[in-house]
Amino acid sequence: MTHVVTEACIACKYTDCVDVCPVDCFREGPNFLTIDPDECIDCAVCIPECPVSAIYAEEDLPSDQQHMIALNAELARLPGWKSITKRKGPLPDADAHKDQPGKLPLLKR
């Protein structure tokens, strides 16, 4: 199994999780982080680091976020989505979006 970043990360992109990842499996897009399922070792150290609770083990993923499994895998393979290994500041309007539901339409590829 792997871990999955859910819609809660979209338009926030807090990067606390990348500092603790032992295998550097996070990829960064314009307004979202994804986990490369081929790199993730299922260690779960990233889960408690996320301030918006956007990361789940695949088997614990809420039913309304199941689509994020395929999306994480797809985005992790895009050429522009590079590995991120050091924490950065969140997006400027992250606090305004952190509790917003249904953020998939805001995703920038």
PDB file of N, CA and C in Angstrom:
ATOM      1  N   MET A   1       0.835  -1.192   0.000  1.00  0.00           N
ATOM      2  CA  MET A   1       0.000   0.000   0.000  1.00  0.00           C
ATOM      3  C   MET A   1       0.875   1.249   0.000  1.00  0.00           C
ATOM      4  N   THR A   2       0.254   2.345  -0.288  1.00  0.00           N
ATOM      5  CA  THR A   2       0.952   3.628  -0.318  1.00  0.00           C
ATOM      6  C   THR A   2       0.112   4.657   0.433  1.00  0.00           C
ATOM      7  N   HIS A   3       0.630   5.845   0.504  1.00  0.00           N
ATOM      8  CA  HIS A   3      -0.110   6.945   1.098  1.00  0.00           C
ATOM      9  C   HIS A   3      -0.573   7.879  -0.002  1.00  0.00           C
ATOM     10  N   VAL A   4      -1.633   8.614   0.288  1.00  0.00           N
ATOM     11  CA  VAL A   4      -2.295   9.426  -0.719  1.00  0.00           C
ATOM     12  C   VAL A   4      -2.539  10.820  -0.151  1.00  0.00           C
ATOM     13  N   VAL A   5      -2.261  11.835  -0.970  1.00  0.00           N
ATOM     14  CA  VAL A   5      -2.586  13.213  -0.609  1.00  0.00           C
ATOM     15  C   VAL A   5      -3.977  13.494  -1.164  1.00  0.00           C
ATOM     16  N   THR A   6      -4.846  14.041  -0.339  1.00  0.00           N
ATOM     17  CA  THR A   6      -6.238  14.271  -0.719  1.00  0.00           C
ATOM     18  C   THR A   6      -6.467  15.733  -1.115  1.00  0.00           C
ATOM     19  N   GLU A   7      -7.708  16.011  -1.483  1.00  0.00           N
ATOM     20  CA  GLU A   7      -8.095  17.355  -1.920  1.00  0.00           C
ATOM     21  C   GLU A   7      -7.809  18.427  -0.880  1.00  0.00           C
ATOM     22  N   ALA A   8      -7.711  18.069   0.379  1.00  0.00           N
ATOM     23  CA  ALA A   8      -7.471  19.068   1.432  1.00  0.00           C
ATOM     24  C   ALA A   8      -6.175  19.849   1.203  1.00  0.00           C
ATOM     25  N   CYS A   9      -5.235  19.281   0.462  1.00  0.00           N
ATOM     26  CA  CYS A   9      -3.958  19.935   0.187  1.00  0.00           C
ATOM     27  C   CYS A   9      -4.067  20.992  -0.914  1.00  0.00           C
ATOM     28  N   ILE A  10      -5.034  20.845  -1.804  1.00  0.00           N
ATOM     29  CA  ILE A  10      -5.166  21.750  -2.944  1.00  0.00           C
ATOM     30  C   ILE A  10      -5.357  23.185  -2.459  1.00  0.00           C
ATOM     31  N   ALA A  11      -4.607  24.090  -3.057  1.00  0.00           N
ATOM     32  CA  ALA A  11      -4.652  25.529  -2.790  1.00  0.00           C
ATOM     33  C   ALA A  11      -4.067  25.904  -1.432  1.00  0.00           C
ATOM     34  N   CYS A  12      -3.481  24.950  -0.738  1.00  0.00           N
ATOM     35  CA  CYS A  12      -2.799  25.218   0.535  1.00  0.00           C
ATOM     36  C   CYS A  12      -1.311  24.924   0.384  1.00  0.00           C
ATOM     37  N   LYS A  13      -1.029  23.664   0.080  1.00  0.00           N
ATOM     38  CA  LYS A  13       0.323  23.160  -0.145  1.00  0.00           C
ATOM     39  C   LYS A  13       1.259  23.446   1.033  1.00  0.00           C
ATOM     40  N   TYR A  14       0.815  23.033   2.203  1.00  0.00           N
ATOM     41  CA  TYR A  14       1.721  23.050   3.350  1.00  0.00           C
ATOM     42  C   TYR A  14       2.748  21.949   3.096  1.00  0.00           C
ATOM     43  N   THR A  15       3.981  22.170   3.423  1.00  0.00           N
ATOM     44  CA  THR A  15       5.026  21.207   3.066  1.00  0.00           C
ATOM     45  C   THR A  15       5.724  20.602   4.279  1.00  0.00           C
ATOM     46  N   ASP A  16       5.095  20.633   5.424  1.00  0.00           N
ATOM     47  CA  ASP A  16       5.663  20.040   6.639  1.00  0.00           C
ATOM     48  C   ASP A  16       5.999  18.562   6.426  1.00  0.00           C
ATOM     49  N   CYS A  17       5.198  17.893   5.622  1.00  0.00           N
ATOM     50  CA  CYS A  17       5.335  16.453   5.379  1.00  0.00           C
ATOM     51  C   CYS A  17       6.637  16.083   4.681  1.00  0.00           C
ATOM     52  N   VAL A  18       7.139  16.949   3.822  1.00  0.00           N
ATOM     53  CA  VAL A  18       8.320  16.572   3.037  1.00  0.00           C
ATOM     54  C   VAL A  18       9.581  16.476   3.878  1.00  0.00           C
ATOM     55  N   ASP A  19       9.642  17.230   4.960  1.00  0.00           N
ATOM     56  CA  ASP A  19      10.828  17.200   5.827  1.00  0.00           C
ATOM     57  C   ASP A  19      11.049  15.840   6.493  1.00  0.00           C
ATOM     58  N   VAL A  20       9.987  15.113   6.725  1.00  0.00           N
ATOM     59  CA  VAL A  20      10.106  13.843   7.453  1.00  0.00           C
ATOM     60  C   VAL A  20      10.148  12.619   6.547  1.00  0.00           C
ATOM     61  N   CYS A  21       9.899  12.792   5.271  1.00  0.00           N
ATOM     62  CA  CYS A  21       9.849  11.654   4.354  1.00  0.00           C
ATOM     63  C   CYS A  21      11.242  11.071   4.147  1.00  0.00           C
ATOM     64  N   PRO A  22      11.446   9.807   4.508  1.00  0.00           N
ATOM     65  CA  PRO A  22      12.780   9.210   4.384  1.00  0.00           C
ATOM     66  C   PRO A  22      13.166   8.820   2.954  1.00  0.00           C
ATOM     67  N   VAL A  23      12.203   8.811   2.035  1.00  0.00           N
ATOM     68  CA  VAL A  23      12.502   8.387   0.663  1.00  0.00           C
ATOM     69  C   VAL A  23      12.202   9.460  -0.385  1.00  0.00           C
ATOM     70  N   ASP A  24      11.870  10.656   0.055  1.00  0.00           N
ATOM     71  CA  ASP A  24      11.623  11.774  -0.864  1.00  0.00           C
ATOM     72  C   ASP A  24      10.602  11.431  -1.944  1.00  0.00           C
ATOM     73  N   CYS A  25       9.442  10.954  -1.516  1.00  0.00           N
ATOM     74  CA  CYS A  25       8.422  10.531  -2.475  1.00  0.00           C
ATOM     75  C   CYS A  25       7.416  11.623  -2.833  1.00  0.00           C
ATOM     76  N   PHE A  26       7.549  12.817  -2.256  1.00  0.00           N
ATOM     77  CA  PHE A  26       6.617  13.894  -2.575  1.00  0.00           C
ATOM     78  C   PHE A  26       7.024  14.600  -3.860  1.00  0.00           C
ATOM     79  N   ARG A  27       6.015  14.961  -4.652  1.00  0.00           N
ATOM     80  CA  ARG A  27       6.208  15.735  -5.870  1.00  0.00           C
ATOM     81  C   ARG A  27       5.398  17.014  -5.718  1.00  0.00           C
ATOM     82  N   GLU A  28       5.941  18.097  -6.266  1.00  0.00           N
ATOM     83  CA  GLU A  28       5.314  19.408  -6.099  1.00  0.00           C
ATOM     84  C   GLU A  28       4.766  19.934  -7.412  1.00  0.00           C
ATOM     85  N   GLY A  29       3.505  20.328  -7.364  1.00  0.00           N
ATOM     86  CA  GLY A  29       2.869  20.998  -8.488  1.00  0.00           C
ATOM     87  C   GLY A  29       2.593  22.436  -8.111  1.00  0.00           C
ATOM     88  N   PRO A  30       1.912  23.174  -8.966  1.00  0.00           N
ATOM     89  CA  PRO A  30       1.670  24.592  -8.701  1.00  0.00           C
ATOM     90  C   PRO A  30       0.934  24.881  -7.392  1.00  0.00           C
ATOM     91  N   ASN A  31      -0.068  24.062  -7.061  1.00  0.00           N
ATOM     92  CA  ASN A  31      -0.817  24.332  -5.829  1.00  0.00           C
ATOM     93  C   ASN A  31      -1.221  23.059  -5.085  1.00  0.00           C
ATOM     94  N   PHE A  32      -0.376  22.007  -5.207  1.00  0.00           N
ATOM     95  CA  PHE A  32      -0.715  20.712  -4.609  1.00  0.00           C
ATOM     96  C   PHE A  32       0.554  19.876  -4.504  1.00  0.00           C
ATOM     97  N   LEU A  33       0.607  19.035  -3.500  1.00  0.00           N
ATOM     98  CA  LEU A  33       1.663  18.030  -3.379  1.00  0.00           C
ATOM     99  C   LEU A  33       1.045  16.673  -3.655  1.00  0.00           C
ATOM    100  N   THR A  34       1.818  15.792  -4.226  1.00  0.00           N
ATOM    101  CA  THR A  34       1.359  14.436  -4.467  1.00  0.00           C
ATOM    102  C   THR A  34       2.416  13.466  -3.958  1.00  0.00           C
ATOM    103  N   ILE A  35       2.005  12.242  -3.733  1.00  0.00           N
ATOM    104  CA  ILE A  35       2.939  11.194  -3.315  1.00  0.00           C
ATOM    105  C   ILE A  35       3.105  10.234  -4.485  1.00  0.00           C
ATOM    106  N   ASP A  36       4.340   9.980  -4.846  1.00  0.00           N
ATOM    107  CA  ASP A  36       4.632   9.010  -5.906  1.00  0.00           C
ATOM    108  C   ASP A  36       4.435   7.612  -5.317  1.00  0.00           C
ATOM    109  N   PRO A  37       3.439   6.870  -5.798  1.00  0.00           N
ATOM    110  CA  PRO A  37       3.158   5.553  -5.219  1.00  0.00           C
ATOM    111  C   PRO A  37       4.286   4.534  -5.438  1.00  0.00           C
ATOM    112  N   ASP A  38       5.132   4.775  -6.426  1.00  0.00           N
ATOM    113  CA  ASP A  38       6.256   3.871  -6.668  1.00  0.00           C
ATOM    114  C   ASP A  38       7.415   4.117  -5.705  1.00  0.00           C
ATOM    115  N   GLU A  39       7.425   5.271  -5.065  1.00  0.00           N
ATOM    116  CA  GLU A  39       8.502   5.634  -4.143  1.00  0.00           C
ATOM    117  C   GLU A  39       8.108   5.482  -2.670  1.00  0.00           C
ATOM    118  N   CYS A  40       6.827   5.648  -2.364  1.00  0.00           N
ATOM    119  CA  CYS A  40       6.345   5.604  -0.981  1.00  0.00           C
ATOM    120  C   CYS A  40       6.594   4.222  -0.376  1.00  0.00           C
ATOM    121  N   ILE A  41       7.136   4.208   0.839  1.00  0.00           N
ATOM    122  CA  ILE A  41       7.405   2.938   1.530  1.00  0.00           C
ATOM    123  C   ILE A  41       6.402   2.661   2.649  1.00  0.00           C
ATOM    124  N   ASP A  42       5.332   3.466   2.698  1.00  0.00           N
ATOM    125  CA  ASP A  42       4.241   3.219   3.641  1.00  0.00           C
ATOM    126  C   ASP A  42       4.681   3.361   5.098  1.00  0.00           C
ATOM    127  N   CYS A  43       5.573   4.301   5.364  1.00  0.00           N
ATOM    128  CA  CYS A  43       6.081   4.469   6.736  1.00  0.00           C
ATOM    129  C   CYS A  43       5.144   5.286   7.621  1.00  0.00           C
ATOM    130  N   ALA A  44       4.297   6.119   7.013  1.00  0.00           N
ATOM    131  CA  ALA A  44       3.284   6.912   7.716  1.00  0.00           C
ATOM    132  C   ALA A  44       3.810   8.084   8.527  1.00  0.00           C
ATOM    133  N   VAL A  45       5.081   8.416   8.444  1.00  0.00           N
ATOM    134  CA  VAL A  45       5.584   9.544   9.240  1.00  0.00           C
ATOM    135  C   VAL A  45       5.041  10.881   8.751  1.00  0.00           C
ATOM    136  N   CYS A  46       4.574  10.946   7.525  1.00  0.00           N
ATOM    137  CA  CYS A  46       4.046  12.201   6.985  1.00  0.00           C
ATOM    138  C   CYS A  46       2.655  12.542   7.512  1.00  0.00           C
ATOM    139  N   ILE A  47       1.883  11.542   7.869  1.00  0.00           N
ATOM    140  CA  ILE A  47       0.481  11.759   8.254  1.00  0.00           C
ATOM    141  C   ILE A  47       0.325  12.773   9.393  1.00  0.00           C
ATOM    142  N   PRO A  48       0.995  12.617  10.517  1.00  0.00           N
ATOM    143  CA  PRO A  48       0.778  13.577  11.601  1.00  0.00           C
ATOM    144  C   PRO A  48       1.383  14.959  11.337  1.00  0.00           C
ATOM    145  N   GLU A  49       2.239  15.069  10.336  1.00  0.00           N
ATOM    146  CA  GLU A  49       2.874  16.352  10.036  1.00  0.00           C
ATOM    147  C   GLU A  49       1.976  17.304   9.264  1.00  0.00           C
ATOM    148  N   CYS A  50       0.978  16.784   8.576  1.00  0.00           N
ATOM    149  CA  CYS A  50       0.121  17.620   7.735  1.00  0.00           C
ATOM    150  C   CYS A  50      -0.858  18.428   8.586  1.00  0.00           C
ATOM    151  N   PRO A  51      -0.777  19.766   8.523  1.00  0.00           N
ATOM    152  CA  PRO A  51      -1.660  20.588   9.360  1.00  0.00           C
ATOM    153  C   PRO A  51      -3.123  20.589   8.923  1.00  0.00           C
ATOM    154  N   VAL A  52      -3.419  20.069   7.729  1.00  0.00           N
ATOM    155  CA  VAL A  52      -4.806  20.012   7.270  1.00  0.00           C
ATOM    156  C   VAL A  52      -5.314  18.575   7.127  1.00  0.00           C
ATOM    157  N   SER A  53      -4.573  17.622   7.659  1.00  0.00           N
ATOM    158  CA  SER A  53      -4.953  16.199   7.625  1.00  0.00           C
ATOM    159  C   SER A  53      -5.290  15.736   6.210  1.00  0.00           C
ATOM    160  N   ALA A  54      -4.406  16.053   5.274  1.00  0.00           N
ATOM    161  CA  ALA A  54      -4.636  15.729   3.869  1.00  0.00           C
ATOM    162  C   ALA A  54      -4.029  14.394   3.445  1.00  0.00           C
ATOM    163  N   ILE A  55      -3.275  13.728   4.314  1.00  0.00           N
ATOM    164  CA  ILE A  55      -2.576  12.503   3.923  1.00  0.00           C
ATOM    165  C   ILE A  55      -3.175  11.298   4.648  1.00  0.00           C
ATOM    166  N   TYR A  56      -3.439  10.261   3.865  1.00  0.00           N
ATOM    167  CA  TYR A  56      -4.028   9.030   4.405  1.00  0.00           C
ATOM    168  C   TYR A  56      -3.290   7.825   3.846  1.00  0.00           C
ATOM    169  N   ALA A  57      -3.264   6.763   4.618  1.00  0.00           N
ATOM    170  CA  ALA A  57      -2.877   5.476   4.063  1.00  0.00           C
ATOM    171  C   ALA A  57      -3.977   5.089   3.083  1.00  0.00           C
ATOM    172  N   GLU A  58      -3.605   4.469   1.984  1.00  0.00           N
ATOM    173  CA  GLU A  58      -4.584   4.132   0.950  1.00  0.00           C
ATOM    174  C   GLU A  58      -5.769   3.346   1.514  1.00  0.00           C
ATOM    175  N   GLU A  59      -5.506   2.435   2.427  1.00  0.00           N
ATOM    176  CA  GLU A  59      -6.602   1.629   2.986  1.00  0.00           C
ATOM    177  C   GLU A  59      -7.508   2.414   3.933  1.00  0.00           C
ATOM    178  N   ASP A  60      -7.059   3.590   4.381  1.00  0.00           N
ATOM    179  CA  ASP A  60      -7.864   4.425   5.278  1.00  0.00           C
ATOM    180  C   ASP A  60      -8.494   5.622   4.576  1.00  0.00           C
ATOM    181  N   LEU A  61      -8.320   5.716   3.286  1.00  0.00           N
ATOM    182  CA  LEU A  61      -8.807   6.854   2.516  1.00  0.00           C
ATOM    183  C   LEU A  61     -10.329   6.941   2.579  1.00  0.00           C
ATOM    184  N   PRO A  62     -10.871   8.111   2.896  1.00  0.00           N
ATOM    185  CA  PRO A  62     -12.330   8.258   2.921  1.00  0.00           C
ATOM    186  C   PRO A  62     -12.921   7.947   1.540  1.00  0.00           C
ATOM    187  N   SER A  63     -14.135   7.462   1.524  1.00  0.00           N
ATOM    188  CA  SER A  63     -14.762   7.037   0.265  1.00  0.00           C
ATOM    189  C   SER A  63     -14.880   8.187  -0.738  1.00  0.00           C
ATOM    190  N   ASP A  64     -15.071   9.413  -0.254  1.00  0.00           N
ATOM    191  CA  ASP A  64     -15.193  10.543  -1.177  1.00  0.00           C
ATOM    192  C   ASP A  64     -13.842  11.029  -1.716  1.00  0.00           C
ATOM    193  N   GLN A  65     -12.756  10.373  -1.324  1.00  0.00           N
ATOM    194  CA  GLN A  65     -11.419  10.740  -1.794  1.00  0.00           C
ATOM    195  C   GLN A  65     -10.729   9.599  -2.558  1.00  0.00           C
ATOM    196  N   GLN A  66     -11.452   8.542  -2.870  1.00  0.00           N
ATOM    197  CA  GLN A  66     -10.872   7.399  -3.574  1.00  0.00           C
ATOM    198  C   GLN A  66     -10.274   7.786  -4.935  1.00  0.00           C
ATOM    199  N   HIS A  67     -10.852   8.776  -5.578  1.00  0.00           N
ATOM    200  CA  HIS A  67     -10.341   9.235  -6.874  1.00  0.00           C
ATOM    201  C   HIS A  67      -8.924   9.801  -6.777  1.00  0.00           C
ATOM    202  N   MET A  68      -8.496  10.153  -5.578  1.00  0.00           N
ATOM    203  CA  MET A  68      -7.179  10.746  -5.393  1.00  0.00           C
ATOM    204  C   MET A  68      -6.045   9.719  -5.521  1.00  0.00           C
ATOM    205  N   ILE A  69      -6.351   8.438  -5.440  1.00  0.00           N
ATOM    206  CA  ILE A  69      -5.325   7.403  -5.624  1.00  0.00           C
ATOM    207  C   ILE A  69      -4.766   7.506  -7.041  1.00  0.00           C
ATOM    208  N   ALA A  70      -5.650   7.480  -8.023  1.00  0.00           N
ATOM    209  CA  ALA A  70      -5.222   7.573  -9.424  1.00  0.00           C
ATOM    210  C   ALA A  70      -4.633   8.942  -9.730  1.00  0.00           C
ATOM    211  N   LEU A  71      -5.200   9.982  -9.147  1.00  0.00           N
ATOM    212  CA  LEU A  71      -4.697  11.332  -9.417  1.00  0.00           C
ATOM    213  C   LEU A  71      -3.284  11.525  -8.874  1.00  0.00           C
ATOM    214  N   ASN A  72      -3.005  11.018  -7.669  1.00  0.00           N
ATOM    215  CA  ASN A  72      -1.645  11.110  -7.128  1.00  0.00           C
ATOM    216  C   ASN A  72      -0.658  10.424  -8.064  1.00  0.00           C
ATOM    217  N   ALA A  73      -0.995   9.234  -8.524  1.00  0.00           N
ATOM    218  CA  ALA A  73      -0.109   8.485  -9.415  1.00  0.00           C
ATOM    219  C   ALA A  73       0.097   9.225 -10.733  1.00  0.00           C
ATOM    220  N   GLU A  74      -0.975   9.754 -11.288  1.00  0.00           N
ATOM    221  CA  GLU A  74      -0.882  10.486 -12.560  1.00  0.00           C
ATOM    222  C   GLU A  74       0.001  11.731 -12.429  1.00  0.00           C
ATOM    223  N   LEU A  75      -0.263  12.538 -11.415  1.00  0.00           N
ATOM    224  CA  LEU A  75       0.480  13.789 -11.259  1.00  0.00           C
ATOM    225  C   LEU A  75       1.946  13.541 -10.914  1.00  0.00           C
ATOM    226  N   ALA A  76       2.227  12.512 -10.156  1.00  0.00           N
ATOM    227  CA  ALA A  76       3.607  12.206  -9.773  1.00  0.00           C
ATOM    228  C   ALA A  76       4.476  11.905 -10.988  1.00  0.00           C
ATOM    229  N   ARG A  77       3.865  11.502 -12.076  1.00  0.00           N
ATOM    230  CA  ARG A  77       4.609  11.146 -13.287  1.00  0.00           C
ATOM    231  C   ARG A  77       4.732  12.291 -14.285  1.00  0.00           C
ATOM    232  N   LEU A  78       4.055  13.403 -14.044  1.00  0.00           N
ATOM    233  CA  LEU A  78       4.141  14.528 -14.974  1.00  0.00           C
ATOM    234  C   LEU A  78       5.535  15.146 -14.917  1.00  0.00           C
ATOM    235  N   PRO A  79       6.095  15.494 -16.062  1.00  0.00           N
ATOM    236  CA  PRO A  79       7.460  16.033 -16.094  1.00  0.00           C
ATOM    237  C   PRO A  79       7.667  17.285 -15.238  1.00  0.00           C
ATOM    238  N   GLY A  80       6.690  18.143 -15.149  1.00  0.00           N
ATOM    239  CA  GLY A  80       6.839  19.378 -14.379  1.00  0.00           C
ATOM    240  C   GLY A  80       6.722  19.211 -12.876  1.00  0.00           C
ATOM    241  N   TRP A  81       6.283  18.058 -12.432  1.00  0.00           N
ATOM    242  CA  TRP A  81       6.096  17.813 -11.003  1.00  0.00           C
ATOM    243  C   TRP A  81       7.375  17.192 -10.455  1.00  0.00           C
ATOM    244  N   LYS A  82       8.200  18.032  -9.873  1.00  0.00           N
ATOM    245  CA  LYS A  82       9.524  17.619  -9.401  1.00  0.00           C
ATOM    246  C   LYS A  82       9.484  17.195  -7.936  1.00  0.00           C
ATOM    247  N   SER A  83      10.482  16.441  -7.556  1.00  0.00           N
ATOM    248  CA  SER A  83      10.635  16.007  -6.169  1.00  0.00           C
ATOM    249  C   SER A  83      10.834  17.225  -5.270  1.00  0.00           C
ATOM    250  N   ILE A  84      10.201  17.208  -4.128  1.00  0.00           N
ATOM    251  CA  ILE A  84      10.391  18.260  -3.125  1.00  0.00           C
ATOM    252  C   ILE A  84      10.894  17.581  -1.852  1.00  0.00           C
ATOM    253  N   THR A  85      11.988  18.085  -1.305  1.00  0.00           N
ATOM    254  CA  THR A  85      12.618  17.441  -0.149  1.00  0.00           C
ATOM    255  C   THR A  85      12.799  18.369   1.039  1.00  0.00           C
ATOM    256  N   LYS A  86      12.534  19.643   0.864  1.00  0.00           N
ATOM    257  CA  LYS A  86      12.680  20.617   1.950  1.00  0.00           C
ATOM    258  C   LYS A  86      11.399  21.427   2.085  1.00  0.00           C
ATOM    259  N   ARG A  87      11.078  21.727   3.311  1.00  0.00           N
ATOM    260  CA  ARG A  87       9.883  22.508   3.611  1.00  0.00           C
ATOM    261  C   ARG A  87       9.978  23.907   3.008  1.00  0.00           C
ATOM    262  N   LYS A  88       8.849  24.373   2.477  1.00  0.00           N
ATOM    263  CA  LYS A  88       8.692  25.732   1.966  1.00  0.00           C
ATOM    264  C   LYS A  88       7.486  26.331   2.667  1.00  0.00           C
ATOM    265  N   GLY A  89       7.327  27.602   2.546  1.00  0.00           N
ATOM    266  CA  GLY A  89       6.130  28.235   3.090  1.00  0.00           C
ATOM    267  C   GLY A  89       4.903  27.814   2.295  1.00  0.00           C
ATOM    268  N   PRO A  90       3.734  27.820   2.926  1.00  0.00           N
ATOM    269  CA  PRO A  90       2.508  27.464   2.210  1.00  0.00           C
ATOM    270  C   PRO A  90       2.162  28.546   1.184  1.00  0.00           C
ATOM    271  N   LEU A  91       1.178  28.279   0.364  1.00  0.00           N
ATOM    272  CA  LEU A  91       0.715  29.269  -0.593  1.00  0.00           C
ATOM    273  C   LEU A  91       0.184  30.489   0.164  1.00  0.00           C
ATOM    274  N   PRO A  92       0.275  31.664  -0.437  1.00  0.00           N
ATOM    275  CA  PRO A  92      -0.118  32.897   0.275  1.00  0.00           C
ATOM    276  C   PRO A  92      -1.541  32.895   0.829  1.00  0.00           C
ATOM    277  N   ASP A  93      -2.468  32.260   0.142  1.00  0.00           N
ATOM    278  CA  ASP A  93      -3.857  32.237   0.605  1.00  0.00           C
ATOM    279  C   ASP A  93      -4.254  30.885   1.217  1.00  0.00           C
ATOM    280  N   ALA A  94      -3.273  30.147   1.686  1.00  0.00           N
ATOM    281  CA  ALA A  94      -3.524  28.805   2.242  1.00  0.00           C
ATOM    282  C   ALA A  94      -4.507  28.835   3.399  1.00  0.00           C
ATOM    283  N   ASP A  95      -4.368  29.776   4.293  1.00  0.00           N
ATOM    284  CA  ASP A  95      -5.263  29.813   5.448  1.00  0.00           C
ATOM    285  C   ASP A  95      -6.719  30.031   5.040  1.00  0.00           C
ATOM    286  N   ALA A  96      -6.935  30.755   3.964  1.00  0.00           N
ATOM    287  CA  ALA A  96      -8.297  30.990   3.481  1.00  0.00           C
ATOM    288  C   ALA A  96      -8.912  29.730   2.882  1.00  0.00           C
ATOM    289  N   HIS A  97      -8.070  28.827   2.394  1.00  0.00           N
ATOM    290  CA  HIS A  97      -8.556  27.614   1.728  1.00  0.00           C
ATOM    291  C   HIS A  97      -8.487  26.358   2.587  1.00  0.00           C
ATOM    292  N   LYS A  98      -7.814  26.404   3.721  1.00  0.00           N
ATOM    293  CA  LYS A  98      -7.516  25.159   4.438  1.00  0.00           C
ATOM    294  C   LYS A  98      -8.733  24.356   4.888  1.00  0.00           C
ATOM    295  N   ASP A  99      -9.846  24.980   5.154  1.00  0.00           N
ATOM    296  CA  ASP A  99     -11.041  24.255   5.597  1.00  0.00           C
ATOM    297  C   ASP A  99     -12.105  24.150   4.509  1.00  0.00           C
ATOM    298  N   GLN A 100     -11.768  24.544   3.308  1.00  0.00           N
ATOM    299  CA  GLN A 100     -12.716  24.539   2.197  1.00  0.00           C
ATOM    300  C   GLN A 100     -12.912  23.123   1.657  1.00  0.00           C
ATOM    301  N   PRO A 101     -14.143  22.663   1.546  1.00  0.00           N
ATOM    302  CA  PRO A 101     -14.387  21.333   0.960  1.00  0.00           C
ATOM    303  C   PRO A 101     -14.440  21.408  -0.566  1.00  0.00           C
ATOM    304  N   GLY A 102     -14.332  20.270  -1.216  1.00  0.00           N
ATOM    305  CA  GLY A 102     -14.516  20.192  -2.668  1.00  0.00           C
ATOM    306  C   GLY A 102     -13.553  21.048  -3.472  1.00  0.00           C
ATOM    307  N   LYS A 103     -12.255  20.920  -3.194  1.00  0.00           N
ATOM    308  CA  LYS A 103     -11.280  21.789  -3.845  1.00  0.00           C
ATOM    309  C   LYS A 103     -10.721  21.253  -5.159  1.00  0.00           C
ATOM    310  N   LEU A 104     -11.175  20.126  -5.631  1.00  0.00           N
ATOM    311  CA  LEU A 104     -10.639  19.549  -6.868  1.00  0.00           C
ATOM    312  C   LEU A 104     -10.694  20.520  -8.054  1.00  0.00           C
ATOM    313  N   PRO A 105     -11.756  21.311  -8.225  1.00  0.00           N
ATOM    314  CA  PRO A 105     -11.762  22.261  -9.346  1.00  0.00           C
ATOM    315  C   PRO A 105     -10.661  23.321  -9.271  1.00  0.00           C
ATOM    316  N   LEU A 106     -10.062  23.503  -8.107  1.00  0.00           N
ATOM    317  CA  LEU A 106      -8.982  24.480  -7.947  1.00  0.00           C
ATOM    318  C   LEU A 106      -7.606  23.932  -8.317  1.00  0.00           C
ATOM    319  N   LEU A 107      -7.512  22.626  -8.552  1.00  0.00           N
ATOM    320  CA  LEU A 107      -6.229  21.995  -8.839  1.00  0.00           C
ATOM    321  C   LEU A 107      -5.618  22.534 -10.130  1.00  0.00           C
ATOM    322  N   LYS A 108      -4.353  22.944 -10.023  1.00  0.00           N
ATOM    323  CA  LYS A 108      -3.604  23.396 -11.197  1.00  0.00           C
ATOM    324  C   LYS A 108      -2.608  22.295 -11.537  1.00  0.00           C
ATOM    325  N   ARG A 109      -2.590  21.909 -12.791  1.00  0.00           N
ATOM    326  CA  ARG A 109      -1.683  20.854 -13.234  1.00  0.00           C
ATOM    327  C   ARG A 109      -0.441  21.474 -13.789  1.00  0.00           C
TER     328      ARG A 109
END
